[in-house]
PDB file of N, CA and C in Angstrom:
ATOM      1  N   UNK A   1       0.823  -1.190   0.000  1.00  0.00           N
ATOM      2  CA  UNK A   1       0.000   0.000   0.000  1.00  0.00           C
ATOM      3  C   UNK A   1       0.872   1.261   0.000  1.00  0.00           C
ATOM      4  N   UNK A   2       1.869   1.272   0.873  1.00  0.00           N
ATOM      5  CA  UNK A   2       2.757   2.431   0.930  1.00  0.00           C
ATOM      6  C   UNK A   2       3.587   2.538  -0.344  1.00  0.00           C
ATOM      7  N   UNK A   3       3.959   1.407  -0.910  1.00  0.00           N
ATOM      8  CA  UNK A   3       4.739   1.410  -2.146  1.00  0.00           C
ATOM      9  C   UNK A   3       3.912   1.985  -3.302  1.00  0.00           C
ATOM     10  N   UNK A   4       2.637   1.660  -3.328  1.00  0.00           N
ATOM     11  CA  UNK A   4       1.757   2.168  -4.380  1.00  0.00           C
ATOM     12  C   UNK A   4       1.623   3.690  -4.279  1.00  0.00           C
ATOM     13  N   UNK A   5       1.471   4.201  -3.063  1.00  0.00           N
ATOM     14  CA  UNK A   5       1.375   5.647  -2.860  1.00  0.00           C
ATOM     15  C   UNK A   5       2.676   6.332  -3.274  1.00  0.00           C
ATOM     16  N   UNK A   6       3.793   5.688  -2.941  1.00  0.00           N
ATOM     17  CA  UNK A   6       5.097   6.246  -3.310  1.00  0.00           C
ATOM     18  C   UNK A   6       5.282   6.299  -4.822  1.00  0.00           C
ATOM     19  N   UNK A   7       4.851   5.242  -5.509  1.00  0.00           N
ATOM     20  CA  UNK A   7       4.966   5.199  -6.972  1.00  0.00           C
ATOM     21  C   UNK A   7       4.053   6.245  -7.635  1.00  0.00           C
ATOM     22  N   UNK A   8       2.839   6.399  -7.097  1.00  0.00           N
ATOM     23  CA  UNK A   8       1.910   7.402  -7.633  1.00  0.00           C
ATOM     24  C   UNK A   8       2.470   8.813  -7.444  1.00  0.00           C
ATOM     25  N   UNK A   9       3.045   9.056  -6.290  1.00  0.00           N
ATOM     26  CA  UNK A   9       3.640  10.366  -6.017  1.00  0.00           C
ATOM     27  C   UNK A   9       4.801  10.635  -6.970  1.00  0.00           C
ATOM     28  N   UNK A  10       5.607   9.602  -7.252  1.00  0.00           N
ATOM     29  CA  UNK A  10       6.723   9.752  -8.182  1.00  0.00           C
ATOM     30  C   UNK A  10       6.212  10.089  -9.583  1.00  0.00           C
ATOM     31  N   UNK A  11       5.165   9.383 -10.007  1.00  0.00           N
ATOM     32  CA  UNK A  11       4.593   9.622 -11.330  1.00  0.00           C
ATOM     33  C   UNK A  11       4.061  11.059 -11.446  1.00  0.00           C
ATOM     34  N   UNK A  12       3.365  11.503 -10.401  1.00  0.00           N
ATOM     35  CA  UNK A  12       2.826  12.858 -10.402  1.00  0.00           C
ATOM     36  C   UNK A  12       3.949  13.895 -10.456  1.00  0.00           C
ATOM     37  N   UNK A  13       5.005  13.634  -9.683  1.00  0.00           N
ATOM     38  CA  UNK A  13       6.149  14.537  -9.645  1.00  0.00           C
ATOM     39  C   UNK A  13       6.817  14.620 -11.021  1.00  0.00           C
ATOM     40  N   UNK A  14       6.979  13.485 -11.683  1.00  0.00           N
ATOM     41  CA  UNK A  14       7.590  13.448 -13.010  1.00  0.00           C
ATOM     42  C   UNK A  14       6.720  14.185 -14.034  1.00  0.00           C
ATOM     43  N   UNK A  15       5.409  14.018 -13.933  1.00  0.00           N
ATOM     44  CA  UNK A  15       4.490  14.710 -14.838  1.00  0.00           C
ATOM     45  C   UNK A  15       4.580  16.230 -14.643  1.00  0.00           C
ATOM     46  N   UNK A  16       4.656  16.651 -13.379  1.00  0.00           N
ATOM     47  CA  UNK A  16       4.784  18.083 -13.092  1.00  0.00           C
ATOM     48  C   UNK A  16       6.083  18.644 -13.661  1.00  0.00           C
ATOM     49  N   UNK A  17       7.168  17.888 -13.508  1.00  0.00           N
ATOM     50  CA  UNK A  17       8.464  18.328 -14.023  1.00  0.00           C
ATOM     51  C   UNK A  17       8.424  18.456 -15.543  1.00  0.00           C
ATOM     52  N   UNK A  18       7.786  17.500 -16.200  1.00  0.00           N
ATOM     53  CA  UNK A  18       7.658  17.549 -17.665  1.00  0.00           C
ATOM     54  C   UNK A  18       6.791  18.734 -18.106  1.00  0.00           C
ATOM     55  N   UNK A  19       5.719  18.998 -17.366  1.00  0.00           N
ATOM     56  CA  UNK A  19       4.825  20.106 -17.718  1.00  0.00           C
ATOM     57  C   UNK A  19       5.513  21.457 -17.525  1.00  0.00           C
ATOM     58  N   UNK A  20       6.336  21.576 -16.474  1.00  0.00           N
ATOM     59  CA  UNK A  20       7.022  22.831 -16.187  1.00  0.00           C
ATOM     60  C   UNK A  20       8.212  23.082 -17.108  1.00  0.00           C
ATOM     61  N   UNK A  21       8.707  22.047 -17.746  1.00  0.00           N
ATOM     62  CA  UNK A  21       9.900  22.178 -18.584  1.00  0.00           C
ATOM     63  C   UNK A  21       9.677  23.125 -19.759  1.00  0.00           C
ATOM     64  N   UNK A  22       8.503  23.124 -20.350  1.00  0.00           N
ATOM     65  CA  UNK A  22       8.222  23.961 -21.516  1.00  0.00           C
ATOM     66  C   UNK A  22       7.811  25.380 -21.171  1.00  0.00           C
ATOM     67  N   UNK A  23       7.451  25.643 -19.936  1.00  0.00           N
ATOM     68  CA  UNK A  23       6.963  26.954 -19.522  1.00  0.00           C
ATOM     69  C   UNK A  23       8.108  27.929 -19.285  1.00  0.00           C
ATOM     70  N   UNK A  24       7.758  29.213 -19.295  1.00  0.00           N
ATOM     71  CA  UNK A  24       8.746  30.219 -18.907  1.00  0.00           C
ATOM     72  C   UNK A  24       8.663  30.411 -17.401  1.00  0.00           C
ATOM     73  N   UNK A  25       9.815  30.565 -16.800  1.00  0.00           N
ATOM     74  CA  UNK A  25       9.850  30.745 -15.349  1.00  0.00           C
ATOM     75  C   UNK A  25       9.544  32.191 -15.013  1.00  0.00           C
ATOM     76  N   UNK A  26       9.194  32.410 -13.776  1.00  0.00           N
ATOM     77  CA  UNK A  26       8.885  33.757 -13.315  1.00  0.00           C
ATOM     78  C   UNK A  26      10.112  34.298 -12.592  1.00  0.00           C
ATOM     79  N   UNK A  27      10.847  35.197 -13.273  1.00  0.00           N
ATOM     80  CA  UNK A  27      12.078  35.728 -12.700  1.00  0.00           C
ATOM     81  C   UNK A  27      11.828  36.993 -11.890  1.00  0.00           C
ATOM     82  N   UNK A  28      10.785  37.734 -12.204  1.00  0.00           N
ATOM     83  CA  UNK A  28      10.496  38.987 -11.507  1.00  0.00           C
ATOM     84  C   UNK A  28       9.067  39.022 -11.018  1.00  0.00           C
ATOM     85  N   UNK A  29       8.560  40.238 -10.826  1.00  0.00           N
ATOM     86  CA  UNK A  29       7.190  40.394 -10.329  1.00  0.00           C
ATOM     87  C   UNK A  29       6.157  40.066 -11.400  1.00  0.00           C
ATOM     88  N   UNK A  30       6.420  40.508 -12.643  1.00  0.00           N
ATOM     89  CA  UNK A  30       5.449  40.319 -13.710  1.00  0.00           C
ATOM     90  C   UNK A  30       5.535  38.916 -14.300  1.00  0.00           C
ATOM     91  N   UNK A  31       4.412  38.487 -14.838  1.00  0.00           N
ATOM     92  CA  UNK A  31       4.334  37.187 -15.470  1.00  0.00           C
ATOM     93  C   UNK A  31       4.474  37.377 -16.978  1.00  0.00           C
ATOM     94  N   UNK A  32       5.154  36.448 -17.648  1.00  0.00           N
ATOM     95  CA  UNK A  32       5.358  36.547 -19.089  1.00  0.00           C
ATOM     96  C   UNK A  32       4.055  36.272 -19.819  1.00  0.00           C
ATOM     97  N   UNK A  33       3.745  37.127 -20.784  1.00  0.00           N
ATOM     98  CA  UNK A  33       2.577  36.899 -21.632  1.00  0.00           C
ATOM     99  C   UNK A  33       3.030  37.016 -23.080  1.00  0.00           C
ATOM    100  N   UNK A  34       2.778  35.978 -23.853  1.00  0.00           N
ATOM    101  CA  UNK A  34       3.228  35.942 -25.246  1.00  0.00           C
ATOM    102  C   UNK A  34       2.427  36.928 -26.087  1.00  0.00           C
ATOM    103  N   UNK A  35       3.133  37.656 -26.953  1.00  0.00           N
ATOM    104  CA  UNK A  35       2.476  38.593 -27.848  1.00  0.00           C
ATOM    105  C   UNK A  35       2.021  37.875 -29.107  1.00  0.00           C
ATOM    106  N   UNK A  36       0.960  38.377 -29.703  1.00  0.00           N
ATOM    107  CA  UNK A  36       0.482  37.790 -30.946  1.00  0.00           C
ATOM    108  C   UNK A  36       1.424  38.180 -32.074  1.00  0.00           C
ATOM    109  N   UNK A  37       1.714  37.234 -32.941  1.00  0.00           N
ATOM    110  CA  UNK A  37       2.628  37.506 -34.041  1.00  0.00           C
ATOM    111  C   UNK A  37       1.910  38.278 -35.131  1.00  0.00           C
ATOM    112  N   UNK A  38       2.650  39.220 -35.759  1.00  0.00           N
ATOM    113  CA  UNK A  38       2.088  40.007 -36.851  1.00  0.00           C
ATOM    114  C   UNK A  38       2.151  39.189 -38.133  1.00  0.00           C
ATOM    115  N   UNK A  39       1.046  39.161 -38.845  1.00  0.00           N
ATOM    116  CA  UNK A  39       1.045  38.488 -40.137  1.00  0.00           C
ATOM    117  C   UNK A  39       0.037  39.185 -41.046  1.00  0.00           C
ATOM    118  N   UNK A  40       0.209  38.962 -42.337  1.00  0.00           N
ATOM    119  CA  UNK A  40      -0.664  39.580 -43.331  1.00  0.00           C
ATOM    120  C   UNK A  40      -1.500  38.484 -43.979  1.00  0.00           C
ATOM    121  N   UNK A  41      -2.788  38.720 -44.074  1.00  0.00           N
ATOM    122  CA  UNK A  41      -3.682  37.758 -44.711  1.00  0.00           C
ATOM    123  C   UNK A  41      -3.399  37.692 -46.207  1.00  0.00           C
ATOM    124  N   UNK A  42      -3.541  36.523 -46.809  1.00  0.00           N
ATOM    125  CA  UNK A  42      -3.281  36.402 -48.248  1.00  0.00           C
ATOM    126  C   UNK A  42      -4.171  37.314 -49.097  1.00  0.00           C
ATOM    127  N   UNK A  43      -5.379  37.598 -48.620  1.00  0.00           N
ATOM    128  CA  UNK A  43      -6.279  38.467 -49.379  1.00  0.00           C
ATOM    129  C   UNK A  43      -5.771  39.913 -49.402  1.00  0.00           C
ATOM    130  N   UNK A  44      -5.009  40.313 -48.379  1.00  0.00           N
ATOM    131  CA  UNK A  44      -4.471  41.678 -48.297  1.00  0.00           C
ATOM    132  C   UNK A  44      -3.183  41.823 -49.104  1.00  0.00           C
ATOM    133  N   UNK A  45      -2.543  40.711 -49.429  1.00  0.00           N
ATOM    134  CA  UNK A  45      -1.295  40.772 -50.200  1.00  0.00           C
ATOM    135  C   UNK A  45      -1.634  40.921 -51.675  1.00  0.00           C
ATOM    136  N   UNK A  46      -1.325  42.082 -52.233  1.00  0.00           N
ATOM    137  CA  UNK A  46      -1.611  42.318 -53.647  1.00  0.00           C
ATOM    138  C   UNK A  46      -0.415  41.950 -54.518  1.00  0.00           C
ATOM    139  N   UNK A  47       0.771  42.054 -53.962  1.00  0.00           N
ATOM    140  CA  UNK A  47       1.975  41.763 -54.737  1.00  0.00           C
ATOM    141  C   UNK A  47       2.731  40.600 -54.089  1.00  0.00           C
ATOM    142  N   UNK A  48       3.896  40.307 -54.593  1.00  0.00           N
ATOM    143  CA  UNK A  48       4.698  39.209 -54.077  1.00  0.00           C
ATOM    144  C   UNK A  48       5.292  39.522 -52.712  1.00  0.00           C
ATOM    145  N   UNK A  49       5.970  38.554 -52.144  1.00  0.00           N
ATOM    146  CA  UNK A  49       6.571  38.708 -50.817  1.00  0.00           C
ATOM    147  C   UNK A  49       7.729  39.701 -50.811  1.00  0.00           C
ATOM    148  N   UNK A  50       8.407  39.841 -51.942  1.00  0.00           N
ATOM    149  CA  UNK A  50       9.540  40.767 -52.009  1.00  0.00           C
ATOM    150  C   UNK A  50       9.095  42.214 -51.868  1.00  0.00           C
ATOM    151  N   UNK A  51       7.934  42.538 -52.354  1.00  0.00           N
ATOM    152  CA  UNK A  51       7.446  43.919 -52.313  1.00  0.00           C
ATOM    153  C   UNK A  51       6.665  44.225 -51.038  1.00  0.00           C
ATOM    154  N   UNK A  52       6.486  43.251 -50.196  1.00  0.00           N
ATOM    155  CA  UNK A  52       5.715  43.423 -48.973  1.00  0.00           C
ATOM    156  C   UNK A  52       6.513  44.255 -47.966  1.00  0.00           C
ATOM    157  N   UNK A  53       5.882  45.254 -47.368  1.00  0.00           N
ATOM    158  CA  UNK A  53       6.546  46.108 -46.381  1.00  0.00           C
ATOM    159  C   UNK A  53       6.706  45.340 -45.067  1.00  0.00           C
ATOM    160  N   UNK A  54       7.858  45.483 -44.400  1.00  0.00           N
ATOM    161  CA  UNK A  54       8.057  44.778 -43.128  1.00  0.00           C
ATOM    162  C   UNK A  54       7.133  45.319 -42.044  1.00  0.00           C
ATOM    163  N   UNK A  55       6.657  44.423 -41.191  1.00  0.00           N
ATOM    164  CA  UNK A  55       5.765  44.823 -40.115  1.00  0.00           C
ATOM    165  C   UNK A  55       6.368  44.412 -38.782  1.00  0.00           C
ATOM    166  N   UNK A  56       6.005  45.138 -37.741  1.00  0.00           N
ATOM    167  CA  UNK A  56       6.503  44.832 -36.417  1.00  0.00           C
ATOM    168  C   UNK A  56       7.880  45.429 -36.197  1.00  0.00           C
ATOM    169  N   UNK A  57       8.471  45.094 -35.087  1.00  0.00           N
ATOM    170  CA  UNK A  57       9.778  45.621 -34.722  1.00  0.00           C
ATOM    171  C   UNK A  57      10.720  44.467 -34.417  1.00  0.00           C
ATOM    172  N   UNK A  58      11.884  44.487 -35.037  1.00  0.00           N
ATOM    173  CA  UNK A  58      12.865  43.427 -34.799  1.00  0.00           C
ATOM    174  C   UNK A  58      13.350  43.478 -33.356  1.00  0.00           C
ATOM    175  N   UNK A  59      13.557  44.694 -32.864  1.00  0.00           N
ATOM    176  CA  UNK A  59      14.050  44.865 -31.498  1.00  0.00           C
ATOM    177  C   UNK A  59      13.038  44.350 -30.469  1.00  0.00           C
ATOM    178  N   UNK A  60      11.768  44.663 -30.676  1.00  0.00           N
ATOM    179  CA  UNK A  60      10.721  44.210 -29.755  1.00  0.00           C
ATOM    180  C   UNK A  60      10.601  42.685 -29.784  1.00  0.00           C
ATOM    181  N   UNK A  61      10.720  42.093 -30.983  1.00  0.00           N
ATOM    182  CA  UNK A  61      10.654  40.634 -31.094  1.00  0.00           C
ATOM    183  C   UNK A  61      11.823  39.981 -30.362  1.00  0.00           C
ATOM    184  N   UNK A  62      13.011  40.557 -30.510  1.00  0.00           N
ATOM    185  CA  UNK A  62      14.212  40.036 -29.856  1.00  0.00           C
ATOM    186  C   UNK A  62      14.065  40.117 -28.337  1.00  0.00           C
ATOM    187  N   UNK A  63      13.559  41.250 -27.870  1.00  0.00           N
ATOM    188  CA  UNK A  63      13.356  41.482 -26.439  1.00  0.00           C
ATOM    189  C   UNK A  63      12.374  40.459 -25.879  1.00  0.00           C
ATOM    190  N   UNK A  64      11.283  40.232 -26.610  1.00  0.00           N
ATOM    191  CA  UNK A  64      10.258  39.272 -26.203  1.00  0.00           C
ATOM    192  C   UNK A  64      10.838  37.855 -26.163  1.00  0.00           C
ATOM    193  N   UNK A  65      11.697  37.535 -27.124  1.00  0.00           N
ATOM    194  CA  UNK A  65      12.316  36.212 -27.181  1.00  0.00           C
ATOM    195  C   UNK A  65      13.231  35.983 -25.973  1.00  0.00           C
ATOM    196  N   UNK A  66      13.983  37.012 -25.591  1.00  0.00           N
ATOM    197  CA  UNK A  66      14.865  36.896 -24.415  1.00  0.00           C
ATOM    198  C   UNK A  66      14.052  36.669 -23.144  1.00  0.00           C
ATOM    199  N   UNK A  67      12.922  37.348 -23.032  1.00  0.00           N
ATOM    200  CA  UNK A  67      12.068  37.155 -21.858  1.00  0.00           C
ATOM    201  C   UNK A  67      11.449  35.767 -21.851  1.00  0.00           C
ATOM    202  N   UNK A  68      11.080  35.277 -23.009  1.00  0.00           N
ATOM    203  CA  UNK A  68      10.458  33.957 -23.110  1.00  0.00           C
ATOM    204  C   UNK A  68      11.438  32.850 -22.730  1.00  0.00           C
ATOM    205  N   UNK A  69      12.718  33.025 -23.098  1.00  0.00           N
ATOM    206  CA  UNK A  69      13.735  32.004 -22.814  1.00  0.00           C
ATOM    207  C   UNK A  69      14.368  32.168 -21.430  1.00  0.00           C
ATOM    208  N   UNK A  70      13.799  33.034 -20.586  1.00  0.00           N
ATOM    209  CA  UNK A  70      14.271  33.263 -19.209  1.00  0.00           C
ATOM    210  C   UNK A  70      15.681  33.824 -19.162  1.00  0.00           C
ATOM    211  N   UNK A  71      16.089  34.555 -20.183  1.00  0.00           N
ATOM    212  CA  UNK A  71      17.398  35.204 -20.169  1.00  0.00           C
ATOM    213  C   UNK A  71      17.265  36.562 -19.498  1.00  0.00           C
ATOM    214  N   UNK A  72      16.101  37.180 -19.672  1.00  0.00           N
ATOM    215  CA  UNK A  72      15.864  38.515 -19.142  1.00  0.00           C
ATOM    216  C   UNK A  72      14.567  38.529 -18.341  1.00  0.00           C
ATOM    217  N   UNK A  73      14.579  39.332 -17.282  1.00  0.00           N
ATOM    218  CA  UNK A  73      13.397  39.452 -16.430  1.00  0.00           C
ATOM    219  C   UNK A  73      12.282  40.193 -17.161  1.00  0.00           C
ATOM    220  N   UNK A  74      11.052  39.752 -16.974  1.00  0.00           N
ATOM    221  CA  UNK A  74       9.898  40.421 -17.565  1.00  0.00           C
ATOM    222  C   UNK A  74       9.636  41.684 -16.757  1.00  0.00           C
ATOM    223  N   UNK A  75       9.530  42.802 -17.454  1.00  0.00           N
ATOM    224  CA  UNK A  75       9.311  44.063 -16.753  1.00  0.00           C
ATOM    225  C   UNK A  75       8.172  44.823 -17.409  1.00  0.00           C
ATOM    226  N   UNK A  76       7.486  45.627 -16.599  1.00  0.00           N
ATOM    227  CA  UNK A  76       6.383  46.440 -17.107  1.00  0.00           C
ATOM    228  C   UNK A  76       6.941  47.742 -17.649  1.00  0.00           C
ATOM    229  N   UNK A  77       6.245  48.344 -18.582  1.00  0.00           N
ATOM    230  CA  UNK A  77       6.679  49.613 -19.150  1.00  0.00           C
ATOM    231  C   UNK A  77       6.558  50.703 -18.090  1.00  0.00           C
ATOM    232  N   UNK A  78       7.616  51.477 -17.924  1.00  0.00           N
ATOM    233  CA  UNK A  78       7.641  52.523 -16.913  1.00  0.00           C
ATOM    234  C   UNK A  78       7.014  53.800 -17.453  1.00  0.00           C
ATOM    235  N   UNK A  79       6.276  54.487 -16.611  1.00  0.00           N
ATOM    236  CA  UNK A  79       5.687  55.763 -16.998  1.00  0.00           C
ATOM    237  C   UNK A  79       6.710  56.873 -16.761  1.00  0.00           C
ATOM    238  N   UNK A  80       6.711  57.841 -17.648  1.00  0.00           N
ATOM    239  CA  UNK A  80       7.616  58.972 -17.492  1.00  0.00           C
ATOM    240  C   UNK A  80       7.058  59.917 -16.441  1.00  0.00           C
ATOM    241  N   UNK A  81       7.925  60.378 -15.583  1.00  0.00           N
ATOM    242  CA  UNK A  81       7.502  61.327 -14.564  1.00  0.00           C
ATOM    243  C   UNK A  81       7.910  62.726 -14.994  1.00  0.00           C
ATOM    244  N   UNK A  82       6.976  63.645 -14.888  1.00  0.00           N
ATOM    245  CA  UNK A  82       7.303  65.022 -15.225  1.00  0.00           C
ATOM    246  C   UNK A  82       7.961  65.676 -14.023  1.00  0.00           C
ATOM    247  N   UNK A  83       8.987  66.454 -14.310  1.00  0.00           N
ATOM    248  CA  UNK A  83       9.661  67.179 -13.231  1.00  0.00           C
ATOM    249  C   UNK A  83       8.745  68.299 -12.759  1.00  0.00           C
ATOM    250  N   UNK A  84       8.611  68.441 -11.479  1.00  0.00           N
ATOM    251  CA  UNK A  84       7.754  69.482 -10.939  1.00  0.00           C
ATOM    252  C   UNK A  84       8.394  70.844 -11.151  1.00  0.00           C
ATOM    253  N   UNK A  85       7.552  71.845 -11.351  1.00  0.00           N
ATOM    254  CA  UNK A  85       8.054  73.196 -11.489  1.00  0.00           C
ATOM    255  C   UNK A  85       8.576  73.646 -10.140  1.00  0.00           C
ATOM    256  N   UNK A  86       9.713  74.288 -10.176  1.00  0.00           N
ATOM    257  CA  UNK A  86      10.307  74.750  -8.933  1.00  0.00           C
ATOM    258  C   UNK A  86       9.626  76.036  -8.495  1.00  0.00           C
ATOM    259  N   UNK A  87       9.231  76.098  -7.242  1.00  0.00           N
ATOM    260  CA  UNK A  87       8.576  77.287  -6.726  1.00  0.00           C
ATOM    261  C   UNK A  87       9.636  78.325  -6.388  1.00  0.00           C
ATOM    262  N   UNK A  88       9.370  79.556  -6.780  1.00  0.00           N
ATOM    263  CA  UNK A  88      10.320  80.644  -6.521  1.00  0.00           C
ATOM    264  C   UNK A  88       9.681  81.595  -5.526  1.00  0.00           C
ATOM    265  N   UNK A  89      10.397  81.868  -4.472  1.00  0.00           N
ATOM    266  CA  UNK A  89       9.919  82.779  -3.450  1.00  0.00           C
ATOM    267  C   UNK A  89      10.839  83.999  -3.417  1.00  0.00           C
ATOM    268  N   UNK A  90      10.241  85.194  -3.417  1.00  0.00           N
ATOM    269  CA  UNK A  90      11.022  86.422  -3.293  1.00  0.00           C
ATOM    270  C   UNK A  90      10.670  87.041  -1.957  1.00  0.00           C
ATOM    271  N   UNK A  91      11.690  87.332  -1.194  1.00  0.00           N
ATOM    272  CA  UNK A  91      11.456  87.972   0.090  1.00  0.00           C
ATOM    273  C   UNK A  91      11.422  89.482  -0.113  1.00  0.00           C
ATOM    274  N   UNK A  92      10.543  90.151   0.609  1.00  0.00           N
ATOM    275  CA  UNK A  92      10.351  91.587   0.436  1.00  0.00           C
ATOM    276  C   UNK A  92      11.622  92.369   0.762  1.00  0.00           C
ATOM    277  N   UNK A  93      12.392  91.923   1.708  1.00  0.00           N
ATOM    278  CA  UNK A  93      13.578  92.690   2.117  1.00  0.00           C
ATOM    279  C   UNK A  93      14.692  92.648   1.071  1.00  0.00           C
ATOM    280  N   UNK A  94      14.614  91.717   0.158  1.00  0.00           N
ATOM    281  CA  UNK A  94      15.647  91.624  -0.862  1.00  0.00           C
ATOM    282  C   UNK A  94      15.225  92.258  -2.186  1.00  0.00           C
ATOM    283  N   UNK A  95      14.071  92.848  -2.238  1.00  0.00           N
ATOM    284  CA  UNK A  95      13.589  93.414  -3.487  1.00  0.00           C
ATOM    285  C   UNK A  95      14.308  94.725  -3.775  1.00  0.00           C
ATOM    286  N   UNK A  96      14.450  94.993  -5.062  1.00  0.00           N
ATOM    287  CA  UNK A  96      15.002  96.273  -5.490  1.00  0.00           C
ATOM    288  C   UNK A  96      13.889  97.313  -5.315  1.00  0.00           C
ATOM    289  N   UNK A  97      14.247  98.589  -5.248  1.00  0.00           N
ATOM    290  CA  UNK A  97      13.214  99.609  -4.975  1.00  0.00           C
ATOM    291  C   UNK A  97      12.097  99.614  -6.002  1.00  0.00           C
ATOM    292  N   UNK A  98      12.392  99.357  -7.263  1.00  0.00           N
ATOM    293  CA  UNK A  98      11.341  99.402  -8.288  1.00  0.00           C
ATOM    294  C   UNK A  98      10.458  98.164  -8.283  1.00  0.00           C
ATOM    295  N   UNK A  99      10.820  97.147  -7.500  1.00  0.00           N
ATOM    296  CA  UNK A  99       9.980  95.951  -7.394  1.00  0.00           C
ATOM    297  C   UNK A  99       8.963  96.057  -6.263  1.00  0.00           C
ATOM    298  N   UNK A 100       9.110  97.072  -5.429  1.00  0.00           N
ATOM    299  CA  UNK A 100       8.202  97.255  -4.301  1.00  0.00           C
ATOM    300  C   UNK A 100       6.820  97.649  -4.811  1.00  0.00           C
ATOM    301  N   UNK A 101       5.751  97.281  -4.098  1.00  0.00           N
ATOM    302  CA  UNK A 101       4.398  97.565  -4.589  1.00  0.00           C
ATOM    303  C   UNK A 101       4.056  99.062  -4.606  1.00  0.00           C
ATOM    304  N   UNK A 102       4.610  99.866  -3.719  1.00  0.00           N
ATOM    305  CA  UNK A 102       4.266 101.288  -3.637  1.00  0.00           C
ATOM    306  C   UNK A 102       5.311 102.180  -4.293  1.00  0.00           C
ATOM    307  N   UNK A 103       6.099 101.664  -5.179  1.00  0.00           N
ATOM    308  CA  UNK A 103       7.178 102.423  -5.787  1.00  0.00           C
ATOM    309  C   UNK A 103       6.634 103.352  -6.866  1.00  0.00           C
ATOM    310  N   UNK A 104       7.096 104.594  -6.834  1.00  0.00           N
ATOM    311  CA  UNK A 104       6.747 105.552  -7.875  1.00  0.00           C
ATOM    312  C   UNK A 104       8.046 105.946  -8.570  1.00  0.00           C
ATOM    313  N   UNK A 105       8.062 105.821  -9.881  1.00  0.00           N
ATOM    314  CA  UNK A 105       9.265 106.136 -10.646  1.00  0.00           C
ATOM    315  C   UNK A 105       9.525 107.638 -10.615  1.00  0.00           C
ATOM    316  N   UNK A 106      10.796 108.044 -10.496  1.00  0.00           N
ATOM    317  CA  UNK A 106      11.097 109.488 -10.506  1.00  0.00           C
ATOM    318  C   UNK A 106      10.839 110.066 -11.892  1.00  0.00           C
ATOM    319  N   UNK A 107      10.417 111.332 -11.899  1.00  0.00           N
ATOM    320  CA  UNK A 107      10.139 111.985 -13.175  1.00  0.00           C
ATOM    321  C   UNK A 107      11.461 112.302 -13.855  1.00  0.00           C
ATOM    322  N   UNK A 108      11.461 112.137 -15.143  1.00  0.00           N
ATOM    323  CA  UNK A 108      12.675 112.434 -15.906  1.00  0.00           C
ATOM    324  C   UNK A 108      12.732 113.927 -16.217  1.00  0.00           C
ATOM    325  N   UNK A 109      13.946 114.417 -16.261  1.00  0.00           N
ATOM    326  CA  UNK A 109      14.123 115.831 -16.605  1.00  0.00           C
ATOM    327  C   UNK A 109      14.051 115.992 -18.116  1.00  0.00           C
ATOM    328  N   UNK A 110      14.091 117.214 -18.575  1.00  0.00           N
ATOM    329  CA  UNK A 110      14.011 117.503 -20.009  1.00  0.00           C
ATOM    330  C   UNK A 110      15.197 116.869 -20.714  1.00  0.00           C
ATOM    331  N   UNK A 111      15.023 116.414 -21.945  1.00  0.00           N
ATOM    332  CA  UNK A 111      16.130 115.777 -22.658  1.00  0.00           C
ATOM    333  C   UNK A 111      17.283 116.736 -22.910  1.00  0.00           C
ATOM    334  N   UNK A 112      18.470 116.227 -22.831  1.00  0.00           N
ATOM    335  CA  UNK A 112      19.660 117.055 -23.054  1.00  0.00           C
ATOM    336  C   UNK A 112      19.819 117.359 -24.533  1.00  0.00           C
ATOM    337  N   UNK A 113      20.538 118.401 -24.789  1.00  0.00           N
ATOM    338  CA  UNK A 113      20.817 118.762 -26.168  1.00  0.00           C
ATOM    339  C   UNK A 113      21.815 117.769 -26.731  1.00  0.00           C
ATOM    340  N   UNK A 114      21.731 117.516 -27.987  1.00  0.00           N
ATOM    341  CA  UNK A 114      22.685 116.613 -28.606  1.00  0.00           C
ATOM    342  C   UNK A 114      23.983 117.357 -28.860  1.00  0.00           C
ATOM    343  N   UNK A 115      25.065 116.669 -28.994  1.00  0.00           N
ATOM    344  CA  UNK A 115      26.378 117.276 -29.220  1.00  0.00           C
ATOM    345  C   UNK A 115      26.431 118.012 -30.555  1.00  0.00           C
ATOM    346  N   UNK A 116      25.604 117.646 -31.500  1.00  0.00           N
ATOM    347  CA  UNK A 116      25.615 118.287 -32.810  1.00  0.00           C
ATOM    348  C   UNK A 116      25.133 119.744 -32.693  1.00  0.00           C
ATOM    349  N   UNK A 117      24.303 120.047 -31.691  1.00  0.00           N
ATOM    350  CA  UNK A 117      23.775 121.416 -31.512  1.00  0.00           C
ATOM    351  C   UNK A 117      24.770 122.326 -30.792  1.00  0.00           C
ATOM    352  N   UNK A 118      25.809 121.794 -30.219  1.00  0.00           N
ATOM    353  CA  UNK A 118      26.776 122.609 -29.469  1.00  0.00           C
ATOM    354  C   UNK A 118      27.524 123.518 -30.433  1.00  0.00           C
ATOM    355  N   UNK A 119      27.867 124.682 -29.974  1.00  0.00           N
ATOM    356  CA  UNK A 119      28.649 125.632 -30.768  1.00  0.00           C
ATOM    357  C   UNK A 119      30.024 125.778 -30.173  1.00  0.00           C
ATOM    358  N   UNK A 120      31.020 125.824 -31.038  1.00  0.00           N
ATOM    359  CA  UNK A 120      32.411 125.993 -30.559  1.00  0.00           C
ATOM    360  C   UNK A 120      32.959 127.331 -30.941  1.00  0.00           C
TER     361      UNK A 120
END
């Protein structure tokens, strides 16, 4: 009876090992999800394969392949953070006189004569 249970447990363990062999392991927080491959339907192909425009990204496919083969950790796309605007504070005691709220500009005097009008 105990031998039968031991043999059944061994069989189950071997089956689990075989099932896990083909899967991708979980190296990080995210789980790997296979992307759908890009392909063109024959009805959409008007010309031969040589004239067909390439679709998809070679770099993205390579990256996905590395994640699938457990060479690289699966990671989520990071959101860009905007830098906050820096707040500027001006203290009243450091203001120039013309920056003060009650400042009145001095009146200008009459314009000077130009040097061309001078007589020698």
